[in-house]
PDB file of N, CA and C in Angstrom:
ATOM      1  N   MET A   1      22.131  15.594 -41.612  1.00  0.00           N
ATOM      2  CA  MET A   1      22.899  14.922 -40.252  1.00  0.00           C
ATOM      3  C   MET A   1      22.305  13.507 -39.642  1.00  0.00           C
ATOM      4  N   PRO A   2      23.250  13.108 -39.270  1.00  0.00           N
ATOM      5  CA  PRO A   2      22.590  11.131 -39.179  1.00  0.00           C
ATOM      6  C   PRO A   2      22.410  11.957 -37.099  1.00  0.00           C
ATOM      7  N   ASN A   3      21.404  11.285 -36.954  1.00  0.00           N
ATOM      8  CA  ASN A   3      21.151  11.356 -35.233  1.00  0.00           C
ATOM      9  C   ASN A   3      22.179  10.568 -34.241  1.00  0.00           C
ATOM     10  N   PRO A   4      22.261  11.881 -33.354  1.00  0.00           N
ATOM     11  CA  PRO A   4      23.125  10.885 -32.618  1.00  0.00           C
ATOM     12  C   PRO A   4      23.105   9.333 -32.338  1.00  0.00           C
ATOM     13  N   PRO A   5      24.071   8.488 -31.468  1.00  0.00           N
ATOM     14  CA  PRO A   5      23.409   7.657 -31.005  1.00  0.00           C
ATOM     15  C   PRO A   5      23.311   7.219 -30.524  1.00  0.00           C
ATOM     16  N   LYS A   6      22.788   5.774 -30.323  1.00  0.00           N
ATOM     17  CA  LYS A   6      21.651   5.715 -29.215  1.00  0.00           C
ATOM     18  C   LYS A   6      22.438   5.526 -27.683  1.00  0.00           C
ATOM     19  N   THR A   7      22.304   5.877 -27.046  1.00  0.00           N
ATOM     20  CA  THR A   7      22.735   4.863 -25.603  1.00  0.00           C
ATOM     21  C   THR A   7      22.030   4.577 -24.675  1.00  0.00           C
ATOM     22  N   ILE A   8      23.075   2.988 -23.835  1.00  0.00           N
ATOM     23  CA  ILE A   8      22.128   3.027 -22.603  1.00  0.00           C
ATOM     24  C   ILE A   8      23.478   1.978 -22.339  1.00  0.00           C
ATOM     25  N   TYR A   9      22.660   2.906 -20.742  1.00  0.00           N
ATOM     26  CA  TYR A   9      24.075   2.176 -20.175  1.00  0.00           C
ATOM     27  C   TYR A   9      22.654   0.768 -19.666  1.00  0.00           C
ATOM     28  N   ILE A  10      23.598  -0.482 -18.941  1.00  0.00           N
ATOM     29  CA  ILE A  10      23.889  -1.537 -18.874  1.00  0.00           C
ATOM     30  C   ILE A  10      24.742  -1.343 -16.896  1.00  0.00           C
ATOM     31  N   ILE A  11      23.816  -0.938 -15.801  1.00  0.00           N
ATOM     32  CA  ILE A  11      24.395  -1.301 -14.827  1.00  0.00           C
ATOM     33  C   ILE A  11      24.460  -2.775 -13.987  1.00  0.00           C
ATOM     34  N   ASP A  12      24.811  -3.795 -13.393  1.00  0.00           N
ATOM     35  CA  ASP A  12      25.182  -5.370 -12.796  1.00  0.00           C
ATOM     36  C   ASP A  12      26.342  -4.977 -12.322  1.00  0.00           C
ATOM     37  N   ASP A  13      26.680  -6.766 -11.988  1.00  0.00           N
ATOM     38  CA  ASP A  13      27.899  -6.424 -10.729  1.00  0.00           C
ATOM     39  C   ASP A  13      27.971  -7.613 -11.495  1.00  0.00           C
ATOM     40  N   ASP A  14      27.171  -8.123 -12.318  1.00  0.00           N
ATOM     41  CA  ASP A  14      27.874 -10.050 -12.778  1.00  0.00           C
ATOM     42  C   ASP A  14      28.415  -9.439 -14.340  1.00  0.00           C
ATOM     43  N   GLU A  15      29.343  -9.980 -14.588  1.00  0.00           N
ATOM     44  CA  GLU A  15      30.083  -9.345 -15.729  1.00  0.00           C
ATOM     45  C   GLU A  15      29.302 -10.059 -16.715  1.00  0.00           C
ATOM     46  N   LEU A  16      29.414 -11.440 -16.863  1.00  0.00           N
ATOM     47  CA  LEU A  16      28.820 -12.468 -17.982  1.00  0.00           C
ATOM     48  C   LEU A  16      27.086 -12.080 -18.381  1.00  0.00           C
ATOM     49  N   PHE A  17      26.846 -11.866 -17.352  1.00  0.00           N
ATOM     50  CA  PHE A  17      25.201 -11.188 -17.435  1.00  0.00           C
ATOM     51  C   PHE A  17      24.926  -9.807 -18.477  1.00  0.00           C
ATOM     52  N   ALA A  18      25.797  -9.136 -18.338  1.00  0.00           N
ATOM     53  CA  ALA A  18      26.110  -7.832 -18.409  1.00  0.00           C
ATOM     54  C   ALA A  18      26.412  -7.702 -19.823  1.00  0.00           C
ATOM     55  N   ASP A  19      27.693  -8.853 -20.096  1.00  0.00           N
ATOM     56  CA  ASP A  19      27.788  -9.098 -21.070  1.00  0.00           C
ATOM     57  C   ASP A  19      27.192  -9.639 -22.259  1.00  0.00           C
ATOM     58  N   CYS A  20      26.352 -10.948 -21.851  1.00  0.00           N
ATOM     59  CA  CYS A  20      24.890 -11.041 -22.005  1.00  0.00           C
ATOM     60  C   CYS A  20      24.175  -9.778 -22.981  1.00  0.00           C
ATOM     61  N   ILE A  21      23.553  -9.066 -22.261  1.00  0.00           N
ATOM     62  CA  ILE A  21      22.692  -8.225 -22.324  1.00  0.00           C
ATOM     63  C   ILE A  21      23.121  -7.585 -23.135  1.00  0.00           C
ATOM     64  N   LYS A  22      24.393  -7.379 -23.149  1.00  0.00           N
ATOM     65  CA  LYS A  22      25.269  -5.994 -24.332  1.00  0.00           C
ATOM     66  C   LYS A  22      25.010  -6.818 -25.951  1.00  0.00           C
ATOM     67  N   SER A  23      25.556  -8.242 -25.888  1.00  0.00           N
ATOM     68  CA  SER A  23      25.562  -8.636 -27.134  1.00  0.00           C
ATOM     69  C   SER A  23      24.029  -9.188 -27.713  1.00  0.00           C
ATOM     70  N   ALA A  24      23.084  -8.955 -26.794  1.00  0.00           N
ATOM     71  CA  ALA A  24      21.519  -8.787 -26.697  1.00  0.00           C
ATOM     72  C   ALA A  24      21.165  -7.986 -28.241  1.00  0.00           C
ATOM     73  N   ILE A  25      21.425  -6.927 -27.707  1.00  0.00           N
ATOM     74  CA  ILE A  25      21.459  -5.621 -27.838  1.00  0.00           C
ATOM     75  C   ILE A  25      22.377  -4.841 -29.113  1.00  0.00           C
ATOM     76  N   LYS A  26      23.896  -5.591 -29.396  1.00  0.00           N
ATOM     77  CA  LYS A  26      24.246  -5.313 -30.038  1.00  0.00           C
ATOM     78  C   LYS A  26      23.853  -6.288 -31.481  1.00  0.00           C
ATOM     79  N   LYS A  27      23.457  -7.403 -31.253  1.00  0.00           N
ATOM     80  CA  LYS A  27      22.851  -7.849 -32.445  1.00  0.00           C
ATOM     81  C   LYS A  27      21.692  -7.206 -32.913  1.00  0.00           C
ATOM     82  N   HIS A  28      21.295  -7.090 -31.802  1.00  0.00           N
ATOM     83  CA  HIS A  28      19.742  -6.087 -33.116  1.00  0.00           C
ATOM     84  C   HIS A  28      19.836  -4.649 -33.557  1.00  0.00           C
ATOM     85  N   ASP A  29      20.778  -4.644 -32.651  1.00  0.00           N
ATOM     86  CA  ASP A  29      21.046  -2.976 -33.781  1.00  0.00           C
ATOM     87  C   ASP A  29      22.760  -2.906 -33.232  1.00  0.00           C
ATOM     88  N   LYS A  30      23.495  -2.523 -34.473  1.00  0.00           N
ATOM     89  CA  LYS A  30      25.060  -2.139 -33.435  1.00  0.00           C
ATOM     90  C   LYS A  30      24.995  -0.952 -33.780  1.00  0.00           C
ATOM     91  N   SER A  31      24.310   0.340 -34.014  1.00  0.00           N
ATOM     92  CA  SER A  31      24.600   1.633 -33.874  1.00  0.00           C
ATOM     93  C   SER A  31      24.233   1.971 -32.624  1.00  0.00           C
ATOM     94  N   ILE A  32      24.117   1.415 -31.889  1.00  0.00           N
ATOM     95  CA  ILE A  32      23.604   1.461 -30.072  1.00  0.00           C
ATOM     96  C   ILE A  32      24.766   1.662 -29.761  1.00  0.00           C
ATOM     97  N   ALA A  33      25.159   2.556 -28.704  1.00  0.00           N
ATOM     98  CA  ALA A  33      26.894   2.804 -27.626  1.00  0.00           C
ATOM     99  C   ALA A  33      25.858   2.128 -26.653  1.00  0.00           C
ATOM    100  N   ILE A  34      26.681   0.853 -25.935  1.00  0.00           N
ATOM    101  CA  ILE A  34      26.321   0.490 -24.477  1.00  0.00           C
ATOM    102  C   ILE A  34      27.232   1.076 -24.047  1.00  0.00           C
ATOM    103  N   LYS A  35      27.245   1.651 -22.347  1.00  0.00           N
ATOM    104  CA  LYS A  35      28.012   1.160 -21.665  1.00  0.00           C
ATOM    105  C   LYS A  35      27.907   0.664 -20.369  1.00  0.00           C
ATOM    106  N   THR A  36      28.587  -0.132 -20.338  1.00  0.00           N
ATOM    107  CA  THR A  36      28.702  -1.363 -18.503  1.00  0.00           C
ATOM    108  C   THR A  36      29.171  -0.389 -17.178  1.00  0.00           C
ATOM    109  N   PHE A  37      28.318  -0.971 -16.078  1.00  0.00           N
ATOM    110  CA  PHE A  37      28.682  -0.369 -15.399  1.00  0.00           C
ATOM    111  C   PHE A  37      28.933  -1.266 -14.053  1.00  0.00           C
ATOM    112  N   LYS A  38      29.884  -1.763 -12.833  1.00  0.00           N
ATOM    113  CA  LYS A  38      29.541  -2.746 -12.529  1.00  0.00           C
ATOM    114  C   LYS A  38      28.826  -2.253 -10.802  1.00  0.00           C
ATOM    115  N   ASN A  39      29.194  -1.069 -11.032  1.00  0.00           N
ATOM    116  CA  ASN A  39      28.376  -0.664  -9.644  1.00  0.00           C
ATOM    117  C   ASN A  39      27.837   0.839 -10.141  1.00  0.00           C
ATOM    118  N   ALA A  40      26.991   1.614  -9.224  1.00  0.00           N
ATOM    119  CA  ALA A  40      25.965   2.980  -9.202  1.00  0.00           C
ATOM    120  C   ALA A  40      27.320   3.997  -9.195  1.00  0.00           C
ATOM    121  N   LEU A  41      28.282   3.567  -7.909  1.00  0.00           N
ATOM    122  CA  LEU A  41      28.673   5.088  -8.301  1.00  0.00           C
ATOM    123  C   LEU A  41      29.478   5.504  -9.937  1.00  0.00           C
ATOM    124  N   ASP A  42      30.013   4.420 -10.253  1.00  0.00           N
ATOM    125  CA  ASP A  42      30.669   4.868 -11.486  1.00  0.00           C
ATOM    126  C   ASP A  42      29.274   4.832 -12.548  1.00  0.00           C
ATOM    127  N   ALA A  43      28.801   4.584 -12.510  1.00  0.00           N
ATOM    128  CA  ALA A  43      27.123   4.575 -13.111  1.00  0.00           C
ATOM    129  C   ALA A  43      27.305   6.465 -12.821  1.00  0.00           C
ATOM    130  N   MET A  44      26.935   6.422 -11.942  1.00  0.00           N
ATOM    131  CA  MET A  44      26.594   8.379 -11.398  1.00  0.00           C
ATOM    132  C   MET A  44      27.191   9.398 -11.614  1.00  0.00           C
ATOM    133  N   ASN A  45      28.705   8.705 -11.957  1.00  0.00           N
ATOM    134  CA  ASN A  45      30.179   9.541 -11.940  1.00  0.00           C
ATOM    135  C   ASN A  45      29.508  10.118 -13.677  1.00  0.00           C
ATOM    136  N   SER A  46      29.400   8.713 -14.687  1.00  0.00           N
ATOM    137  CA  SER A  46      28.878   9.351 -15.732  1.00  0.00           C
ATOM    138  C   SER A  46      27.620   9.900 -16.592  1.00  0.00           C
ATOM    139  N   LEU A  47      27.026  10.228 -16.074  1.00  0.00           N
ATOM    140  CA  LEU A  47      25.511  11.107 -16.197  1.00  0.00           C
ATOM    141  C   LEU A  47      26.076  12.304 -16.637  1.00  0.00           C
ATOM    142  N   ASP A  48      27.166  12.814 -16.634  1.00  0.00           N
ATOM    143  CA  ASP A  48      26.750  14.008 -17.946  1.00  0.00           C
ATOM    144  C   ASP A  48      26.604  13.649 -18.910  1.00  0.00           C
ATOM    145  N   ASP A  49      27.090  12.160 -19.379  1.00  0.00           N
ATOM    146  CA  ASP A  49      26.638  12.180 -20.431  1.00  0.00           C
ATOM    147  C   ASP A  49      25.013  10.808 -20.994  1.00  0.00           C
ATOM    148  N   LEU A  50      24.274  12.023 -21.043  1.00  0.00           N
ATOM    149  CA  LEU A  50      23.152  10.969 -20.199  1.00  0.00           C
ATOM    150  C   LEU A  50      22.255  10.072 -21.195  1.00  0.00           C
ATOM    151  N   PRO A  51      22.193   8.582 -21.184  1.00  0.00           N
ATOM    152  CA  PRO A  51      21.430   7.856 -21.211  1.00  0.00           C
ATOM    153  C   PRO A  51      20.594   7.797 -22.536  1.00  0.00           C
ATOM    154  N   ASP A  52      20.121   7.238 -23.314  1.00  0.00           N
ATOM    155  CA  ASP A  52      18.116   6.932 -22.828  1.00  0.00           C
ATOM    156  C   ASP A  52      17.744   5.665 -22.819  1.00  0.00           C
ATOM    157  N   LEU A  53      18.211   5.191 -21.977  1.00  0.00           N
ATOM    158  CA  LEU A  53      18.039   4.245 -20.936  1.00  0.00           C
ATOM    159  C   LEU A  53      19.064   3.705 -20.535  1.00  0.00           C
ATOM    160  N   ILE A  54      18.570   2.956 -19.283  1.00  0.00           N
ATOM    161  CA  ILE A  54      19.097   2.629 -18.584  1.00  0.00           C
ATOM    162  C   ILE A  54      18.586   0.786 -17.584  1.00  0.00           C
ATOM    163  N   LEU A  55      19.286  -0.226 -17.927  1.00  0.00           N
ATOM    164  CA  LEU A  55      19.330  -0.969 -17.481  1.00  0.00           C
ATOM    165  C   LEU A  55      19.852  -1.537 -15.945  1.00  0.00           C
ATOM    166  N   LEU A  56      19.470  -2.167 -14.606  1.00  0.00           N
ATOM    167  CA  LEU A  56      19.763  -1.292 -13.546  1.00  0.00           C
ATOM    168  C   LEU A  56      19.164  -2.928 -13.111  1.00  0.00           C
ATOM    169  N   ASP A  57      20.262  -3.156 -12.398  1.00  0.00           N
ATOM    170  CA  ASP A  57      20.154  -4.512 -11.188  1.00  0.00           C
ATOM    171  C   ASP A  57      20.663  -3.195  -9.754  1.00  0.00           C
ATOM    172  N   ILE A  58      19.478  -4.184  -8.782  1.00  0.00           N
ATOM    173  CA  ILE A  58      19.016  -3.357  -7.547  1.00  0.00           C
ATOM    174  C   ILE A  58      20.509  -3.688  -6.526  1.00  0.00           C
ATOM    175  N   LEU A  59      20.421  -5.073  -6.480  1.00  0.00           N
ATOM    176  CA  LEU A  59      21.652  -5.991  -5.751  1.00  0.00           C
ATOM    177  C   LEU A  59      23.197  -5.881  -5.775  1.00  0.00           C
ATOM    178  N   LEU A  60      23.645  -4.697  -5.827  1.00  0.00           N
ATOM    179  CA  LEU A  60      24.734  -3.959  -6.221  1.00  0.00           C
ATOM    180  C   LEU A  60      25.846  -3.838  -5.265  1.00  0.00           C
ATOM    181  N   PRO A  61      27.556  -4.176  -5.376  1.00  0.00           N
ATOM    182  CA  PRO A  61      28.542  -3.587  -4.489  1.00  0.00           C
ATOM    183  C   PRO A  61      28.245  -1.743  -3.755  1.00  0.00           C
ATOM    184  N   GLY A  62      28.875  -1.949  -2.954  1.00  0.00           N
ATOM    185  CA  GLY A  62      28.713  -0.223  -2.266  1.00  0.00           C
ATOM    186  C   GLY A  62      27.135   0.157  -2.628  1.00  0.00           C
ATOM    187  N   PRO A  63      26.886   1.769  -3.201  1.00  0.00           N
ATOM    188  CA  PRO A  63      25.887   2.364  -3.222  1.00  0.00           C
ATOM    189  C   PRO A  63      24.997   0.619  -4.283  1.00  0.00           C
ATOM    190  N   ASP A  64      23.862   0.500  -3.406  1.00  0.00           N
ATOM    191  CA  ASP A  64      22.848   0.023  -4.182  1.00  0.00           C
ATOM    192  C   ASP A  64      21.373   0.202  -5.917  1.00  0.00           C
ATOM    193  N   GLY A  65      21.121  -0.226  -6.412  1.00  0.00           N
ATOM    194  CA  GLY A  65      20.227   0.390  -7.257  1.00  0.00           C
ATOM    195  C   GLY A  65      18.973   1.283  -6.292  1.00  0.00           C
ATOM    196  N   PHE A  66      19.045   1.070  -5.581  1.00  0.00           N
ATOM    197  CA  PHE A  66      17.540   2.119  -5.418  1.00  0.00           C
ATOM    198  C   PHE A  66      18.193   3.894  -4.695  1.00  0.00           C
ATOM    199  N   THR A  67      19.421   2.992  -4.397  1.00  0.00           N
ATOM    200  CA  THR A  67      20.798   5.331  -3.905  1.00  0.00           C
ATOM    201  C   THR A  67      20.579   5.527  -5.575  1.00  0.00           C
ATOM    202  N   PHE A  68      21.268   4.663  -6.384  1.00  0.00           N
ATOM    203  CA  PHE A  68      21.017   5.037  -7.935  1.00  0.00           C
ATOM    204  C   PHE A  68      19.685   6.294  -8.365  1.00  0.00           C
ATOM    205  N   LEU A  69      18.736   5.240  -8.114  1.00  0.00           N
ATOM    206  CA  LEU A  69      17.432   5.301  -8.215  1.00  0.00           C
ATOM    207  C   LEU A  69      17.520   6.953  -7.022  1.00  0.00           C
ATOM    208  N   ASN A  70      17.318   6.976  -6.121  1.00  0.00           N
ATOM    209  CA  ASN A  70      17.176   8.323  -5.475  1.00  0.00           C
ATOM    210  C   ASN A  70      18.554   9.307  -5.480  1.00  0.00           C
ATOM    211  N   GLU A  71      19.446   9.097  -6.751  1.00  0.00           N
ATOM    212  CA  GLU A  71      19.943  10.371  -7.511  1.00  0.00           C
ATOM    213  C   GLU A  71      19.567  10.715  -8.758  1.00  0.00           C
ATOM    214  N   LEU A  72      19.301   9.489  -9.784  1.00  0.00           N
ATOM    215  CA  LEU A  72      17.918  10.197 -11.181  1.00  0.00           C
ATOM    216  C   LEU A  72      17.011  10.804 -10.395  1.00  0.00           C
ATOM    217  N   ALA A  73      16.256  11.189  -9.439  1.00  0.00           N
ATOM    218  CA  ALA A  73      15.904  11.707  -9.415  1.00  0.00           C
ATOM    219  C   ALA A  73      15.344  12.779  -8.624  1.00  0.00           C
ATOM    220  N   SER A  74      16.498  13.368  -8.446  1.00  0.00           N
ATOM    221  CA  SER A  74      17.173  14.733  -7.465  1.00  0.00           C
ATOM    222  C   SER A  74      17.493  15.660  -8.969  1.00  0.00           C
ATOM    223  N   TYR A  75      16.982  14.882  -9.702  1.00  0.00           N
ATOM    224  CA  TYR A  75      17.905  15.993 -10.733  1.00  0.00           C
ATOM    225  C   TYR A  75      16.515  16.694 -11.770  1.00  0.00           C
ATOM    226  N   PRO A  76      16.443  17.242 -12.418  1.00  0.00           N
ATOM    227  CA  PRO A  76      15.242  17.520 -13.425  1.00  0.00           C
ATOM    228  C   PRO A  76      15.377  16.449 -14.561  1.00  0.00           C
ATOM    229  N   ASP A  77      16.950  16.958 -15.059  1.00  0.00           N
ATOM    230  CA  ASP A  77      17.370  15.912 -16.564  1.00  0.00           C
ATOM    231  C   ASP A  77      17.815  14.830 -16.355  1.00  0.00           C
ATOM    232  N   THR A  78      18.500  14.217 -15.038  1.00  0.00           N
ATOM    233  CA  THR A  78      18.440  12.884 -15.259  1.00  0.00           C
ATOM    234  C   THR A  78      17.263  11.662 -14.530  1.00  0.00           C
ATOM    235  N   ALA A  79      16.279  12.912 -13.902  1.00  0.00           N
ATOM    236  CA  ALA A  79      14.545  11.760 -13.541  1.00  0.00           C
ATOM    237  C   ALA A  79      13.835  11.907 -14.867  1.00  0.00           C
ATOM    238  N   LYS A  80      14.210  12.483 -15.757  1.00  0.00           N
ATOM    239  CA  LYS A  80      13.280  11.727 -16.963  1.00  0.00           C
ATOM    240  C   LYS A  80      13.896  10.651 -17.904  1.00  0.00           C
ATOM    241  N   ILE A  81      14.742   9.806 -17.796  1.00  0.00           N
ATOM    242  CA  ILE A  81      15.942   8.631 -18.385  1.00  0.00           C
ATOM    243  C   ILE A  81      14.848   7.780 -18.060  1.00  0.00           C
ATOM    244  N   PRO A  82      14.580   6.743 -19.112  1.00  0.00           N
ATOM    245  CA  PRO A  82      13.676   5.736 -18.635  1.00  0.00           C
ATOM    246  C   PRO A  82      14.854   4.331 -18.178  1.00  0.00           C
ATOM    247  N   VAL A  83      13.991   4.040 -16.743  1.00  0.00           N
ATOM    248  CA  VAL A  83      14.908   2.647 -16.202  1.00  0.00           C
ATOM    249  C   VAL A  83      13.653   1.486 -16.394  1.00  0.00           C
ATOM    250  N   VAL A  84      14.846   0.844 -16.645  1.00  0.00           N
ATOM    251  CA  VAL A  84      13.897  -1.184 -16.475  1.00  0.00           C
ATOM    252  C   VAL A  84      15.432  -1.284 -15.718  1.00  0.00           C
ATOM    253  N   LEU A  85      14.329  -2.713 -14.572  1.00  0.00           N
ATOM    254  CA  LEU A  85      15.062  -2.847 -13.558  1.00  0.00           C
ATOM    255  C   LEU A  85      15.905  -4.628 -14.316  1.00  0.00           C
ATOM    256  N   VAL A  86      16.275  -4.557 -14.267  1.00  0.00           N
ATOM    257  CA  VAL A  86      16.649  -6.452 -14.641  1.00  0.00           C
ATOM    258  C   VAL A  86      17.405  -6.695 -12.794  1.00  0.00           C
ATOM    259  N   THR A  87      16.321  -7.810 -12.115  1.00  0.00           N
ATOM    260  CA  THR A  87      16.887  -7.659 -11.355  1.00  0.00           C
ATOM    261  C   THR A  87      15.753  -9.556 -10.563  1.00  0.00           C
ATOM    262  N   SER A  88      16.280 -10.424  -9.763  1.00  0.00           N
ATOM    263  CA  SER A  88      16.047 -11.257  -9.489  1.00  0.00           C
ATOM    264  C   SER A  88      15.009 -11.096  -8.441  1.00  0.00           C
ATOM    265  N   LEU A  89      14.823  -9.441  -7.570  1.00  0.00           N
ATOM    266  CA  LEU A  89      13.982  -9.400  -6.135  1.00  0.00           C
ATOM    267  C   LEU A  89      12.639  -9.024  -6.869  1.00  0.00           C
ATOM    268  N   ALA A  90      11.734  -9.593  -5.888  1.00  0.00           N
ATOM    269  CA  ALA A  90      10.399  -9.356  -6.464  1.00  0.00           C
ATOM    270  C   ALA A  90       9.701  -7.867  -5.797  1.00  0.00           C
ATOM    271  N   LEU A  91       9.630  -7.557  -6.525  1.00  0.00           N
ATOM    272  CA  LEU A  91       9.727  -4.800  -6.526  1.00  0.00           C
ATOM    273  C   LEU A  91       7.731  -5.045  -6.790  1.00  0.00           C
ATOM    274  N   PRO A  92       7.669  -4.677  -5.871  1.00  0.00           N
ATOM    275  CA  PRO A  92       6.388  -4.368  -6.968  1.00  0.00           C
ATOM    276  C   PRO A  92       6.040  -2.731  -7.419  1.00  0.00           C
ATOM    277  N   GLU A  93       6.013  -2.650  -8.718  1.00  0.00           N
ATOM    278  CA  GLU A  93       5.879  -2.306  -9.534  1.00  0.00           C
ATOM    279  C   GLU A  93       5.298   0.027  -9.436  1.00  0.00           C
ATOM    280  N   ALA A  94       4.063  -0.498  -8.675  1.00  0.00           N
ATOM    281  CA  ALA A  94       3.305   1.211  -8.205  1.00  0.00           C
ATOM    282  C   ALA A  94       3.953   1.513  -7.555  1.00  0.00           C
ATOM    283  N   ASP A  95       4.847   1.009  -6.245  1.00  0.00           N
ATOM    284  CA  ASP A  95       6.040   1.738  -5.678  1.00  0.00           C
ATOM    285  C   ASP A  95       6.597   2.682  -5.941  1.00  0.00           C
ATOM    286  N   LEU A  96       7.318   1.546  -7.406  1.00  0.00           N
ATOM    287  CA  LEU A  96       8.412   2.087  -8.442  1.00  0.00           C
ATOM    288  C   LEU A  96       8.361   3.588  -9.035  1.00  0.00           C
ATOM    289  N   SER A  97       7.206   4.126  -9.325  1.00  0.00           N
ATOM    290  CA  SER A  97       6.650   5.091 -10.654  1.00  0.00           C
ATOM    291  C   SER A  97       7.262   6.312  -9.889  1.00  0.00           C
ATOM    292  N   ILE A  98       7.649   7.107  -8.624  1.00  0.00           N
ATOM    293  CA  ILE A  98       8.305   8.578  -8.993  1.00  0.00           C
ATOM    294  C   ILE A  98       9.645   8.296  -9.680  1.00  0.00           C
ATOM    295  N   TYR A  99      10.392   6.698  -9.626  1.00  0.00           N
ATOM    296  CA  TYR A  99      11.706   6.283 -10.419  1.00  0.00           C
ATOM    297  C   TYR A  99      11.902   6.401 -11.830  1.00  0.00           C
ATOM    298  N   ASN A 100      10.159   6.665 -12.851  1.00  0.00           N
ATOM    299  CA  ASN A 100      10.407   6.379 -13.754  1.00  0.00           C
ATOM    300  C   ASN A 100      11.116   5.211 -14.373  1.00  0.00           C
ATOM    301  N   ILE A 101      10.164   4.198 -13.444  1.00  0.00           N
ATOM    302  CA  ILE A 101      10.080   3.399 -13.792  1.00  0.00           C
ATOM    303  C   ILE A 101       9.559   2.327 -15.092  1.00  0.00           C
ATOM    304  N   GLN A 102      10.014   1.595 -16.139  1.00  0.00           N
ATOM    305  CA  GLN A 102       9.372   1.606 -17.122  1.00  0.00           C
ATOM    306  C   GLN A 102       8.798   0.126 -16.594  1.00  0.00           C
ATOM    307  N   GLY A 103       9.662  -0.523 -16.354  1.00  0.00           N
ATOM    308  CA  GLY A 103       9.199  -2.067 -15.960  1.00  0.00           C
ATOM    309  C   GLY A 103      10.354  -3.023 -15.481  1.00  0.00           C
ATOM    310  N   ILE A 104       9.647  -3.864 -14.880  1.00  0.00           N
ATOM    311  CA  ILE A 104      11.325  -4.644 -14.008  1.00  0.00           C
ATOM    312  C   ILE A 104      11.139  -6.708 -14.608  1.00  0.00           C
ATOM    313  N   LEU A 105      12.637  -6.967 -15.213  1.00  0.00           N
ATOM    314  CA  LEU A 105      12.067  -7.704 -16.000  1.00  0.00           C
ATOM    315  C   LEU A 105      13.220  -8.729 -14.992  1.00  0.00           C
ATOM    316  N   ASN A 106      12.479  -9.948 -14.774  1.00  0.00           N
ATOM    317  CA  ASN A 106      12.726 -11.167 -13.781  1.00  0.00           C
ATOM    318  C   ASN A 106      14.198 -11.495 -13.955  1.00  0.00           C
ATOM    319  N   LYS A 107      15.124 -11.450 -13.668  1.00  0.00           N
ATOM    320  CA  LYS A 107      17.014 -11.963 -14.083  1.00  0.00           C
ATOM    321  C   LYS A 107      17.269 -13.331 -14.660  1.00  0.00           C
ATOM    322  N   GLU A 108      16.544 -14.361 -13.668  1.00  0.00           N
ATOM    323  CA  GLU A 108      16.080 -15.586 -13.273  1.00  0.00           C
ATOM    324  C   GLU A 108      15.735 -16.348 -15.173  1.00  0.00           C
ATOM    325  N   LYS A 109      14.005 -15.194 -15.561  1.00  0.00           N
ATOM    326  CA  LYS A 109      13.241 -16.231 -16.615  1.00  0.00           C
ATOM    327  C   LYS A 109      13.082 -15.089 -18.146  1.00  0.00           C
ATOM    328  N   MET A 110      14.394 -13.791 -17.687  1.00  0.00           N
ATOM    329  CA  MET A 110      13.610 -13.295 -18.428  1.00  0.00           C
ATOM    330  C   MET A 110      14.404 -13.867 -20.121  1.00  0.00           C
ATOM    331  N   LYS A 111      13.845 -13.492 -20.904  1.00  0.00           N
ATOM    332  CA  LYS A 111      14.240 -13.454 -23.101  1.00  0.00           C
ATOM    333  C   LYS A 111      14.899 -12.382 -23.510  1.00  0.00           C
ATOM    334  N   PRO A 112      16.380 -12.229 -23.884  1.00  0.00           N
ATOM    335  CA  PRO A 112      17.008 -11.837 -24.638  1.00  0.00           C
ATOM    336  C   PRO A 112      15.673 -10.985 -25.636  1.00  0.00           C
ATOM    337  N   THR A 113      14.571 -10.900 -26.138  1.00  0.00           N
ATOM    338  CA  THR A 113      14.175 -10.194 -26.362  1.00  0.00           C
ATOM    339  C   THR A 113      12.694  -9.370 -25.793  1.00  0.00           C
ATOM    340  N   GLU A 114      13.099  -9.726 -24.747  1.00  0.00           N
ATOM    341  CA  GLU A 114      12.270  -8.612 -23.418  1.00  0.00           C
ATOM    342  C   GLU A 114      13.171  -7.213 -23.030  1.00  0.00           C
ATOM    343  N   VAL A 115      14.221  -7.445 -23.578  1.00  0.00           N
ATOM    344  CA  VAL A 115      15.171  -6.115 -23.134  1.00  0.00           C
ATOM    345  C   VAL A 115      15.293  -5.133 -24.597  1.00  0.00           C
ATOM    346  N   ILE A 116      14.967  -6.517 -25.507  1.00  0.00           N
ATOM    347  CA  ILE A 116      15.161  -5.953 -26.616  1.00  0.00           C
ATOM    348  C   ILE A 116      13.696  -5.037 -26.761  1.00  0.00           C
ATOM    349  N   GLU A 117      12.441  -5.651 -26.284  1.00  0.00           N
ATOM    350  CA  GLU A 117      11.055  -4.260 -26.254  1.00  0.00           C
ATOM    351  C   GLU A 117      11.452  -3.670 -26.128  1.00  0.00           C
ATOM    352  N   TYR A 118      12.535  -2.960 -24.859  1.00  0.00           N
ATOM    353  CA  TYR A 118      12.435  -2.351 -23.844  1.00  0.00           C
ATOM    354  C   TYR A 118      13.382  -0.775 -24.893  1.00  0.00           C
ATOM    355  N   VAL A 119      14.660  -1.850 -25.323  1.00  0.00           N
ATOM    356  CA  VAL A 119      15.121  -1.037 -26.164  1.00  0.00           C
ATOM    357  C   VAL A 119      14.389  -0.073 -28.088  1.00  0.00           C
ATOM    358  N   LYS A 120      13.640  -1.035 -28.172  1.00  0.00           N
ATOM    359  CA  LYS A 120      12.828  -0.875 -29.238  1.00  0.00           C
ATOM    360  C   LYS A 120      12.326   0.656 -29.045  1.00  0.00           C
ATOM    361  N   ARG A 121      11.177   0.226 -27.556  1.00  0.00           N
ATOM    362  CA  ARG A 121      10.546   1.252 -26.931  1.00  0.00           C
ATOM    363  C   ARG A 121      11.024   2.612 -26.634  1.00  0.00           C
ATOM    364  N   PHE A 122      12.474   2.971 -26.472  1.00  0.00           N
ATOM    365  CA  PHE A 122      12.835   4.227 -25.740  1.00  0.00           C
ATOM    366  C   PHE A 122      14.431   4.586 -26.515  1.00  0.00           C
ATOM    367  N   SER A 123      14.446   3.722 -27.218  1.00  0.00           N
ATOM    368  CA  SER A 123      15.497   4.483 -27.987  1.00  0.00           C
ATOM    369  C   SER A 123      15.309   5.535 -28.739  1.00  0.00           C
ATOM    370  N   ARG A 124      16.105   6.329 -29.227  1.00  0.00           N
ATOM    371  CA  ARG A 124      15.297   7.633 -29.739  1.00  0.00           C
ATOM    372  C   ARG A 124      16.242   7.440 -31.208  1.00  0.00           C
TER     373      ARG A 124
END
């Protein structure tokens, strides 16, 4: 029996940027299921289907990325989901360890290969 499809959530209000990340991941592995969300609220409402990895922007309309991280951390099953922040904000990684942050990618400087490295590391 084949493994269930890997699932990645991309949460970013910049549709073009999210599409670029999605394209890079699909180029790497077409079998990965990718769900994109423009805001944290829609992503929170979809957490019944737990992803293997979340790529999260912090500056979002409505509830921001930190609100989303607090929501994830408040439930045992979602607190274990690895999260990579994709943001242009300068954030200290040490302060974010309680949220299962596995890394921070600078939106302005990152390369698609950096996203793929996280995908390889955290996809089942």
